Amino acid sequence: LARWSKAFTSKEKLEDVIQQIVGRCNRVVNESM
């Protein structure tokens, strides 16, 4: 294991990436799930 030097520009961008991934699999992630 090693820490990577890069990071996301914001929490919102990371959330966008997560939504993009799960959306392609026809799945949902939100506060209730």
PDB file of all heavy atoms in Angstrom:
ATOM      1  N   LEU A   1       0.825  -1.203   0.000  1.00  0.00           N
ATOM      2  CA  LEU A   1       0.000   0.000   0.000  1.00  0.00           C
ATOM      3  C   LEU A   1       0.861   1.256   0.000  1.00  0.00           C
ATOM      4  O   LEU A   1       1.907   1.304   0.655  1.00  0.00           O
ATOM      5  CB  LEU A   1      -0.908   0.021   1.235  1.00  0.00           C
ATOM      6  CG  LEU A   1      -2.061  -0.985   1.283  1.00  0.00           C
ATOM      7  CD1 LEU A   1      -2.816  -0.837   2.592  1.00  0.00           C
ATOM      8  CD2 LEU A   1      -2.999  -0.787   0.115  1.00  0.00           C
ATOM      9  N   ALA A   2       0.398   2.261  -0.738  1.00  0.00           N
ATOM     10  CA  ALA A   2       1.108   3.542  -0.760  1.00  0.00           C
ATOM     11  C   ALA A   2       0.099   4.651  -1.022  1.00  0.00           C
ATOM     12  O   ALA A   2      -0.898   4.452  -1.715  1.00  0.00           O
ATOM     13  CB  ALA A   2       2.183   3.536  -1.841  1.00  0.00           C
ATOM     14  N   ARG A   3       0.357   5.817  -0.463  1.00  0.00           N
ATOM     15  CA  ARG A   3      -0.518   6.961  -0.718  1.00  0.00           C
ATOM     16  C   ARG A   3      -0.179   7.559  -2.078  1.00  0.00           C
ATOM     17  O   ARG A   3       0.998   7.699  -2.433  1.00  0.00           O
ATOM     18  CB  ARG A   3      -0.357   8.010   0.379  1.00  0.00           C
ATOM     19  CG  ARG A   3      -1.323   9.176   0.210  1.00  0.00           C
ATOM     20  CD  ARG A   3      -1.470  10.000   1.457  1.00  0.00           C
ATOM     21  NE  ARG A   3      -2.423  11.087   1.259  1.00  0.00           N
ATOM     22  CZ  ARG A   3      -2.877  11.858   2.236  1.00  0.00           C
ATOM     23  NH1 ARG A   3      -2.471  11.645   3.487  1.00  0.00           N
ATOM     24  NH2 ARG A   3      -3.755  12.818   1.976  1.00  0.00           N
ATOM     25  N   TRP A   4      -1.228   7.919  -2.824  1.00  0.00           N
ATOM     26  CA  TRP A   4      -1.039   8.508  -4.148  1.00  0.00           C
ATOM     27  C   TRP A   4      -0.976  10.018  -4.029  1.00  0.00           C
ATOM     28  O   TRP A   4      -1.628  10.627  -3.158  1.00  0.00           O
ATOM     29  CB  TRP A   4      -2.181   8.077  -5.070  1.00  0.00           C
ATOM     30  CG  TRP A   4      -1.858   8.194  -6.530  1.00  0.00           C
ATOM     31  CD1 TRP A   4      -0.703   7.809  -7.139  1.00  0.00           C
ATOM     32  CD2 TRP A   4      -2.703   8.706  -7.552  1.00  0.00           C
ATOM     33  NE1 TRP A   4      -0.775   8.048  -8.489  1.00  0.00           N
ATOM     34  CE2 TRP A   4      -1.992   8.607  -8.774  1.00  0.00           C
ATOM     35  CE3 TRP A   4      -3.988   9.243  -7.564  1.00  0.00           C
ATOM     36  CZ2 TRP A   4      -2.521   9.023  -9.987  1.00  0.00           C
ATOM     37  CZ3 TRP A   4      -4.525   9.648  -8.777  1.00  0.00           C
ATOM     38  CH2 TRP A   4      -3.785   9.536  -9.970  1.00  0.00           C
ATOM     39  N   SER A   5      -0.217  10.645  -4.909  1.00  0.00           N
ATOM     40  CA  SER A   5       0.040  12.080  -4.790  1.00  0.00           C
ATOM     41  C   SER A   5      -1.145  12.947  -5.219  1.00  0.00           C
ATOM     42  O   SER A   5      -1.268  14.086  -4.788  1.00  0.00           O
ATOM     43  CB  SER A   5       1.258  12.455  -5.642  1.00  0.00           C
ATOM     44  OG  SER A   5       1.037  12.101  -7.006  1.00  0.00           O
ATOM     45  N   LYS A   6      -2.048  12.402  -6.056  1.00  0.00           N
ATOM     46  CA  LYS A   6      -3.131  13.230  -6.584  1.00  0.00           C
ATOM     47  C   LYS A   6      -4.388  13.122  -5.727  1.00  0.00           C
ATOM     48  O   LYS A   6      -4.516  12.225  -4.894  1.00  0.00           O
ATOM     49  CB  LYS A   6      -3.435  12.834  -8.030  1.00  0.00           C
ATOM     50  CG  LYS A   6      -2.259  13.069  -8.963  1.00  0.00           C
ATOM     51  CD  LYS A   6      -2.608  12.732 -10.401  1.00  0.00           C
ATOM     52  CE  LYS A   6      -1.412  12.966 -11.317  1.00  0.00           C
ATOM     53  NZ  LYS A   6      -1.719  12.645 -12.729  1.00  0.00           N
ATOM     54  N   ALA A   7      -5.322  14.045  -5.975  1.00  0.00           N
ATOM     55  CA  ALA A   7      -6.572  14.064  -5.210  1.00  0.00           C
ATOM     56  C   ALA A   7      -7.661  14.698  -6.073  1.00  0.00           C
ATOM     57  O   ALA A   7      -7.398  15.282  -7.126  1.00  0.00           O
ATOM     58  CB  ALA A   7      -6.394  14.857  -3.923  1.00  0.00           C
ATOM     59  N   PHE A   8      -8.904  14.572  -5.623  1.00  0.00           N
ATOM     60  CA  PHE A   8     -10.025  15.195  -6.319  1.00  0.00           C
ATOM     61  C   PHE A   8     -10.064  16.689  -5.993  1.00  0.00           C
ATOM     62  O   PHE A   8      -9.624  17.114  -4.913  1.00  0.00           O
ATOM     63  CB  PHE A   8     -11.347  14.544  -5.900  1.00  0.00           C
ATOM     64  CG  PHE A   8     -11.574  13.194  -6.517  1.00  0.00           C
ATOM     65  CD1 PHE A   8     -11.147  12.045  -5.877  1.00  0.00           C
ATOM     66  CD2 PHE A   8     -12.223  13.072  -7.739  1.00  0.00           C
ATOM     67  CE1 PHE A   8     -11.358  10.793  -6.442  1.00  0.00           C
ATOM     68  CE2 PHE A   8     -12.433  11.828  -8.317  1.00  0.00           C
ATOM     69  CZ  PHE A   8     -12.003  10.690  -7.667  1.00  0.00           C
ATOM     70  N   THR A   9     -10.599  17.468  -6.900  1.00  0.00           N
ATOM     71  CA  THR A   9     -10.677  18.918  -6.675  1.00  0.00           C
ATOM     72  C   THR A   9     -11.714  19.282  -5.616  1.00  0.00           C
ATOM     73  O   THR A   9     -11.623  20.330  -4.989  1.00  0.00           O
ATOM     74  CB  THR A   9     -11.025  19.643  -7.988  1.00  0.00           C
ATOM     75  OG1 THR A   9     -12.218  19.073  -8.547  1.00  0.00           O
ATOM     76  CG2 THR A   9      -9.891  19.536  -8.981  1.00  0.00           C
ATOM     77  N   SER A  10     -12.698  18.392  -5.422  1.00  0.00           N
ATOM     78  CA  SER A  10     -13.741  18.689  -4.430  1.00  0.00           C
ATOM     79  C   SER A  10     -14.502  17.415  -4.075  1.00  0.00           C
ATOM     80  O   SER A  10     -14.424  16.403  -4.779  1.00  0.00           O
ATOM     81  CB  SER A  10     -14.732  19.714  -4.985  1.00  0.00           C
ATOM     82  OG  SER A  10     -15.453  19.167  -6.080  1.00  0.00           O
ATOM     83  N   LYS A  11     -15.236  17.480  -2.984  1.00  0.00           N
ATOM     84  CA  LYS A  11     -16.101  16.366  -2.584  1.00  0.00           C
ATOM     85  C   LYS A  11     -17.168  16.122  -3.641  1.00  0.00           C
ATOM     86  O   LYS A  11     -17.530  14.975  -3.927  1.00  0.00           O
ATOM     87  CB  LYS A  11     -16.754  16.684  -1.235  1.00  0.00           C
ATOM     88  CG  LYS A  11     -17.607  15.553  -0.687  1.00  0.00           C
ATOM     89  CD  LYS A  11     -18.334  15.949   0.581  1.00  0.00           C
ATOM     90  CE  LYS A  11     -19.550  16.799   0.254  1.00  0.00           C
ATOM     91  NZ  LYS A  11     -20.475  16.980   1.381  1.00  0.00           N
ATOM     92  N   GLU A  12     -17.669  17.209  -4.239  1.00  0.00           N
ATOM     93  CA  GLU A  12     -18.728  17.092  -5.245  1.00  0.00           C
ATOM     94  C   GLU A  12     -18.244  16.332  -6.474  1.00  0.00           C
ATOM     95  O   GLU A  12     -18.989  15.548  -7.054  1.00  0.00           O
ATOM     96  CB  GLU A  12     -19.221  18.487  -5.655  1.00  0.00           C
ATOM     97  CG  GLU A  12     -20.024  19.218  -4.587  1.00  0.00           C
ATOM     98  CD  GLU A  12     -19.176  19.719  -3.432  1.00  0.00           C
ATOM     99  OE1 GLU A  12     -17.956  19.950  -3.645  1.00  0.00           O
ATOM    100  OE2 GLU A  12     -19.721  19.880  -2.316  1.00  0.00           O
ATOM    101  N   LYS A  13     -16.973  16.548  -6.861  1.00  0.00           N
ATOM    102  CA  LYS A  13     -16.441  15.844  -8.027  1.00  0.00           C
ATOM    103  C   LYS A  13     -16.332  14.354  -7.754  1.00  0.00           C
ATOM    104  O   LYS A  13     -16.633  13.524  -8.612  1.00  0.00           O
ATOM    105  CB  LYS A  13     -15.078  16.432  -8.425  1.00  0.00           C
ATOM    106  CG  LYS A  13     -14.484  15.779  -9.672  1.00  0.00           C
ATOM    107  CD  LYS A  13     -15.451  15.843 -10.844  1.00  0.00           C
ATOM    108  CE  LYS A  13     -15.035  14.931 -11.975  1.00  0.00           C
ATOM    109  NZ  LYS A  13     -16.054  14.841 -13.038  1.00  0.00           N
ATOM    110  N   LEU A  14     -15.895  13.992  -6.548  1.00  0.00           N
ATOM    111  CA  LEU A  14     -15.834  12.577  -6.175  1.00  0.00           C
ATOM    112  C   LEU A  14     -17.226  11.967  -6.195  1.00  0.00           C
ATOM    113  O   LEU A  14     -17.423  10.839  -6.675  1.00  0.00           O
ATOM    114  CB  LEU A  14     -15.192  12.432  -4.793  1.00  0.00           C
ATOM    115  CG  LEU A  14     -15.184  11.036  -4.163  1.00  0.00           C
ATOM    116  CD1 LEU A  14     -14.578  10.004  -5.097  1.00  0.00           C
ATOM    117  CD2 LEU A  14     -14.443  11.059  -2.825  1.00  0.00           C
ATOM    118  N   GLU A  15     -18.204  12.698  -5.690  1.00  0.00           N
ATOM    119  CA  GLU A  15     -19.585  12.201  -5.712  1.00  0.00           C
ATOM    120  C   GLU A  15     -20.081  12.022  -7.149  1.00  0.00           C
ATOM    121  O   GLU A  15     -20.785  11.052  -7.458  1.00  0.00           O
ATOM    122  CB  GLU A  15     -20.498  13.168  -4.961  1.00  0.00           C
ATOM    123  CG  GLU A  15     -20.292  13.145  -3.456  1.00  0.00           C
ATOM    124  CD  GLU A  15     -21.074  14.225  -2.729  1.00  0.00           C
ATOM    125  OE1 GLU A  15     -21.529  15.179  -3.420  1.00  0.00           O
ATOM    126  OE2 GLU A  15     -21.226  14.129  -1.502  1.00  0.00           O
ATOM    127  N   ASP A  16     -19.674  12.920  -8.050  1.00  0.00           N
ATOM    128  CA  ASP A  16     -20.045  12.790  -9.468  1.00  0.00           C
ATOM    129  C   ASP A  16     -19.482  11.501 -10.062  1.00  0.00           C
ATOM    130  O   ASP A  16     -20.167  10.805 -10.817  1.00  0.00           O
ATOM    131  CB  ASP A  16     -19.517  13.991 -10.275  1.00  0.00           C
ATOM    132  CG  ASP A  16     -20.299  15.263 -10.014  1.00  0.00           C
ATOM    133  OD1 ASP A  16     -21.394  15.172  -9.417  1.00  0.00           O
ATOM    134  OD2 ASP A  16     -19.808  16.351 -10.380  1.00  0.00           O
ATOM    135  N   VAL A  17     -18.230  11.205  -9.731  1.00  0.00           N
ATOM    136  CA  VAL A  17     -17.592   9.986 -10.245  1.00  0.00           C
ATOM    137  C   VAL A  17     -18.324   8.744  -9.734  1.00  0.00           C
ATOM    138  O   VAL A  17     -18.577   7.793 -10.483  1.00  0.00           O
ATOM    139  CB  VAL A  17     -16.100   9.954  -9.850  1.00  0.00           C
ATOM    140  CG1 VAL A  17     -15.492   8.574 -10.121  1.00  0.00           C
ATOM    141  CG2 VAL A  17     -15.329  11.021 -10.618  1.00  0.00           C
ATOM    142  N   ILE A  18     -18.686   8.747  -8.443  1.00  0.00           N
ATOM    143  CA  ILE A  18     -19.415   7.617  -7.870  1.00  0.00           C
ATOM    144  C   ILE A  18     -20.756   7.439  -8.576  1.00  0.00           C
ATOM    145  O   ILE A  18     -21.139   6.322  -8.954  1.00  0.00           O
ATOM    146  CB  ILE A  18     -19.606   7.809  -6.352  1.00  0.00           C
ATOM    147  CG1 ILE A  18     -18.256   7.691  -5.636  1.00  0.00           C
ATOM    148  CG2 ILE A  18     -20.600   6.777  -5.796  1.00  0.00           C
ATOM    149  CD1 ILE A  18     -18.319   8.022  -4.160  1.00  0.00           C
ATOM    150  N   GLN A  19     -21.476   8.531  -8.786  1.00  0.00           N
ATOM    151  CA  GLN A  19     -22.779   8.449  -9.465  1.00  0.00           C
ATOM    152  C   GLN A  19     -22.614   7.956 -10.901  1.00  0.00           C
ATOM    153  O   GLN A  19     -23.444   7.196 -11.409  1.00  0.00           O
ATOM    154  CB  GLN A  19     -23.470   9.815  -9.449  1.00  0.00           C
ATOM    155  CG  GLN A  19     -23.907  10.296  -8.076  1.00  0.00           C
ATOM    156  CD  GLN A  19     -24.991   9.435  -7.444  1.00  0.00           C
ATOM    157  OE1 GLN A  19     -25.617   8.596  -8.103  1.00  0.00           O
ATOM    158  NE2 GLN A  19     -25.225   9.634  -6.154  1.00  0.00           N
ATOM    159  N   GLN A  20     -21.551   8.374 -11.539  1.00  0.00           N
ATOM    160  CA  GLN A  20     -21.271   7.936 -12.912  1.00  0.00           C
ATOM    161  C   GLN A  20     -21.050   6.428 -12.962  1.00  0.00           C
ATOM    162  O   GLN A  20     -21.568   5.735 -13.845  1.00  0.00           O
ATOM    163  CB  GLN A  20     -20.025   8.673 -13.411  1.00  0.00           C
ATOM    164  CG  GLN A  20     -19.598   8.309 -14.830  1.00  0.00           C
ATOM    165  CD  GLN A  20     -18.295   9.007 -15.202  1.00  0.00           C
ATOM    166  OE1 GLN A  20     -17.944  10.033 -14.648  1.00  0.00           O
ATOM    167  NE2 GLN A  20     -17.580   8.440 -16.149  1.00  0.00           N
ATOM    168  N   ILE A  21     -20.287   5.900 -12.001  1.00  0.00           N
ATOM    169  CA  ILE A  21     -19.984   4.466 -11.973  1.00  0.00           C
ATOM    170  C   ILE A  21     -21.249   3.644 -11.720  1.00  0.00           C
ATOM    171  O   ILE A  21     -21.549   2.697 -12.451  1.00  0.00           O
ATOM    172  CB  ILE A  21     -18.926   4.157 -10.893  1.00  0.00           C
ATOM    173  CG1 ILE A  21     -17.573   4.756 -11.278  1.00  0.00           C
ATOM    174  CG2 ILE A  21     -18.788   2.643 -10.685  1.00  0.00           C
ATOM    175  CD1 ILE A  21     -16.535   4.695 -10.167  1.00  0.00           C
ATOM    176  N   VAL A  22     -21.996   4.010 -10.682  1.00  0.00           N
ATOM    177  CA  VAL A  22     -23.168   3.201 -10.317  1.00  0.00           C
ATOM    178  C   VAL A  22     -24.283   3.351 -11.354  1.00  0.00           C
ATOM    179  O   VAL A  22     -25.059   2.422 -11.585  1.00  0.00           O
ATOM    180  CB  VAL A  22     -23.676   3.536  -8.894  1.00  0.00           C
ATOM    181  CG1 VAL A  22     -22.587   3.300  -7.868  1.00  0.00           C
ATOM    182  CG2 VAL A  22     -24.185   4.965  -8.801  1.00  0.00           C
ATOM    183  N   GLY A  23     -24.360   4.527 -11.987  1.00  0.00           N
ATOM    184  CA  GLY A  23     -25.381   4.737 -13.007  1.00  0.00           C
ATOM    185  C   GLY A  23     -25.209   3.819 -14.195  1.00  0.00           C
ATOM    186  O   GLY A  23     -26.185   3.334 -14.775  1.00  0.00           O
ATOM    187  N   ARG A  24     -23.964   3.549 -14.573  1.00  0.00           N
ATOM    188  CA  ARG A  24     -23.693   2.650 -15.699  1.00  0.00           C
ATOM    189  C   ARG A  24     -24.145   1.225 -15.406  1.00  0.00           C
ATOM    190  O   ARG A  24     -24.412   0.449 -16.316  1.00  0.00           O
ATOM    191  CB  ARG A  24     -22.191   2.645 -16.011  1.00  0.00           C
ATOM    192  CG  ARG A  24     -21.696   3.900 -16.699  1.00  0.00           C
ATOM    193  CD  ARG A  24     -20.195   3.817 -16.900  1.00  0.00           C
ATOM    194  NE  ARG A  24     -19.662   5.035 -17.501  1.00  0.00           N
ATOM    195  CZ  ARG A  24     -18.356   5.283 -17.620  1.00  0.00           C
ATOM    196  NH1 ARG A  24     -17.487   4.402 -17.162  1.00  0.00           N
ATOM    197  NH2 ARG A  24     -17.947   6.393 -18.192  1.00  0.00           N
ATOM    198  N   CYS A  25     -24.192   0.867 -14.124  1.00  0.00           N
ATOM    199  CA  CYS A  25     -24.628  -0.485 -13.737  1.00  0.00           C
ATOM    200  C   CYS A  25     -26.114  -0.523 -13.376  1.00  0.00           C
ATOM    201  O   CYS A  25     -26.592  -1.511 -12.816  1.00  0.00           O
ATOM    202  CB  CYS A  25     -23.809  -0.974 -12.536  1.00  0.00           C
ATOM    203  SG  CYS A  25     -22.051  -1.065 -12.837  1.00  0.00           S
ATOM    204  N   ASN A  26     -26.809   0.583 -13.660  1.00  0.00           N
ATOM    205  CA  ASN A  26     -28.238   0.683 -13.344  1.00  0.00           C
ATOM    206  C   ASN A  26     -28.483   0.510 -11.846  1.00  0.00           C
ATOM    207  O   ASN A  26     -29.446  -0.150 -11.436  1.00  0.00           O
ATOM    208  CB  ASN A  26     -29.048  -0.343 -14.150  1.00  0.00           C
ATOM    209  CG  ASN A  26     -30.529  -0.008 -14.171  1.00  0.00           C
ATOM    210  OD1 ASN A  26     -30.916   1.167 -14.090  1.00  0.00           O
ATOM    211  ND2 ASN A  26     -31.372  -1.020 -14.249  1.00  0.00           N
ATOM    212  N   ARG A  27     -27.599   1.106 -11.045  1.00  0.00           N
ATOM    213  CA  ARG A  27     -27.748   1.039  -9.600  1.00  0.00           C
ATOM    214  C   ARG A  27     -27.856   2.447  -9.029  1.00  0.00           C
ATOM    215  O   ARG A  27     -27.617   3.442  -9.723  1.00  0.00           O
ATOM    216  CB  ARG A  27     -26.593   0.271  -8.977  1.00  0.00           C
ATOM    217  CG  ARG A  27     -26.536  -1.153  -9.516  1.00  0.00           C
ATOM    218  CD  ARG A  27     -25.727  -2.093  -8.702  1.00  0.00           C
ATOM    219  NE  ARG A  27     -25.885  -3.457  -9.212  1.00  0.00           N
ATOM    220  CZ  ARG A  27     -25.399  -4.524  -8.644  1.00  0.00           C
ATOM    221  NH1 ARG A  27     -24.722  -4.424  -7.523  1.00  0.00           N
ATOM    222  NH2 ARG A  27     -25.597  -5.720  -9.161  1.00  0.00           N
ATOM    223  N   VAL A  28     -28.226   2.519  -7.770  1.00  0.00           N
ATOM    224  CA  VAL A  28     -28.514   3.813  -7.146  1.00  0.00           C
ATOM    225  C   VAL A  28     -27.754   3.925  -5.829  1.00  0.00           C
ATOM    226  O   VAL A  28     -27.658   2.962  -5.069  1.00  0.00           O
ATOM    227  CB  VAL A  28     -30.030   3.959  -6.871  1.00  0.00           C
ATOM    228  CG1 VAL A  28     -30.316   5.259  -6.135  1.00  0.00           C
ATOM    229  CG2 VAL A  28     -30.812   3.891  -8.166  1.00  0.00           C
ATOM    230  N   VAL A  29     -27.212   5.117  -5.563  1.00  0.00           N
ATOM    231  CA  VAL A  29     -26.643   5.401  -4.250  1.00  0.00           C
ATOM    232  C   VAL A  29     -27.086   6.808  -3.856  1.00  0.00           C
ATOM    233  O   VAL A  29     -26.964   7.758  -4.623  1.00  0.00           O
ATOM    234  CB  VAL A  29     -25.098   5.267  -4.260  1.00  0.00           C
ATOM    235  CG1 VAL A  29     -24.444   6.236  -5.229  1.00  0.00           C
ATOM    236  CG2 VAL A  29     -24.531   5.428  -2.864  1.00  0.00           C
ATOM    237  N   ASN A  30     -27.661   6.934  -2.673  1.00  0.00           N
ATOM    238  CA  ASN A  30     -28.125   8.224  -2.170  1.00  0.00           C
ATOM    239  C   ASN A  30     -28.198   8.145  -0.642  1.00  0.00           C
ATOM    240  O   ASN A  30     -27.776   7.143  -0.052  1.00  0.00           O
ATOM    241  CB  ASN A  30     -29.480   8.610  -2.784  1.00  0.00           C
ATOM    242  CG  ASN A  30     -30.515   7.499  -2.642  1.00  0.00           C
ATOM    243  OD1 ASN A  30     -30.578   6.835  -1.595  1.00  0.00           O
ATOM    244  ND2 ASN A  30     -31.321   7.289  -3.672  1.00  0.00           N
ATOM    245  N   GLU A  31     -28.735   9.172  -0.004  1.00  0.00           N
ATOM    246  CA  GLU A  31     -28.765   9.193   1.464  1.00  0.00           C
ATOM    247  C   GLU A  31     -29.600   8.069   2.047  1.00  0.00           C
ATOM    248  O   GLU A  31     -29.308   7.575   3.133  1.00  0.00           O
ATOM    249  CB  GLU A  31     -29.294  10.545   1.949  1.00  0.00           C
ATOM    250  CG  GLU A  31     -28.292  11.672   1.809  1.00  0.00           C
ATOM    251  CD  GLU A  31     -28.726  12.929   2.536  1.00  0.00           C
ATOM    252  OE1 GLU A  31     -29.775  12.885   3.220  1.00  0.00           O
ATOM    253  OE2 GLU A  31     -28.026  13.949   2.435  1.00  0.00           O
ATOM    254  N   SER A  32     -30.641   7.647   1.350  1.00  0.00           N
ATOM    255  CA  SER A  32     -31.471   6.552   1.862  1.00  0.00           C
ATOM    256  C   SER A  32     -30.850   5.190   1.568  1.00  0.00           C
ATOM    257  O   SER A  32     -31.132   4.208   2.250  1.00  0.00           O
ATOM    258  CB  SER A  32     -32.876   6.622   1.259  1.00  0.00           C
ATOM    259  OG  SER A  32     -32.827   6.518  -0.151  1.00  0.00           O
ATOM    260  N   MET A  33     -29.998   5.115   0.527  1.00  0.00           N
ATOM    261  CA  MET A  33     -29.262   3.886   0.214  1.00  0.00           C
ATOM    262  C   MET A  33     -27.797   4.260   0.017  1.00  0.00           C
ATOM    263  O   MET A  33     -27.311   4.359  -1.115  1.00  0.00           O
ATOM    264  CB  MET A  33     -29.827   3.217  -1.047  1.00  0.00           C
ATOM    265  CG  MET A  33     -31.206   2.639  -0.876  1.00  0.00           C
ATOM    266  SD  MET A  33     -31.735   1.621  -2.290  1.00  0.00           S
ATOM    267  CE  MET A  33     -31.950   2.884  -3.540  1.00  0.00           C
TER     268      MET A  33
END
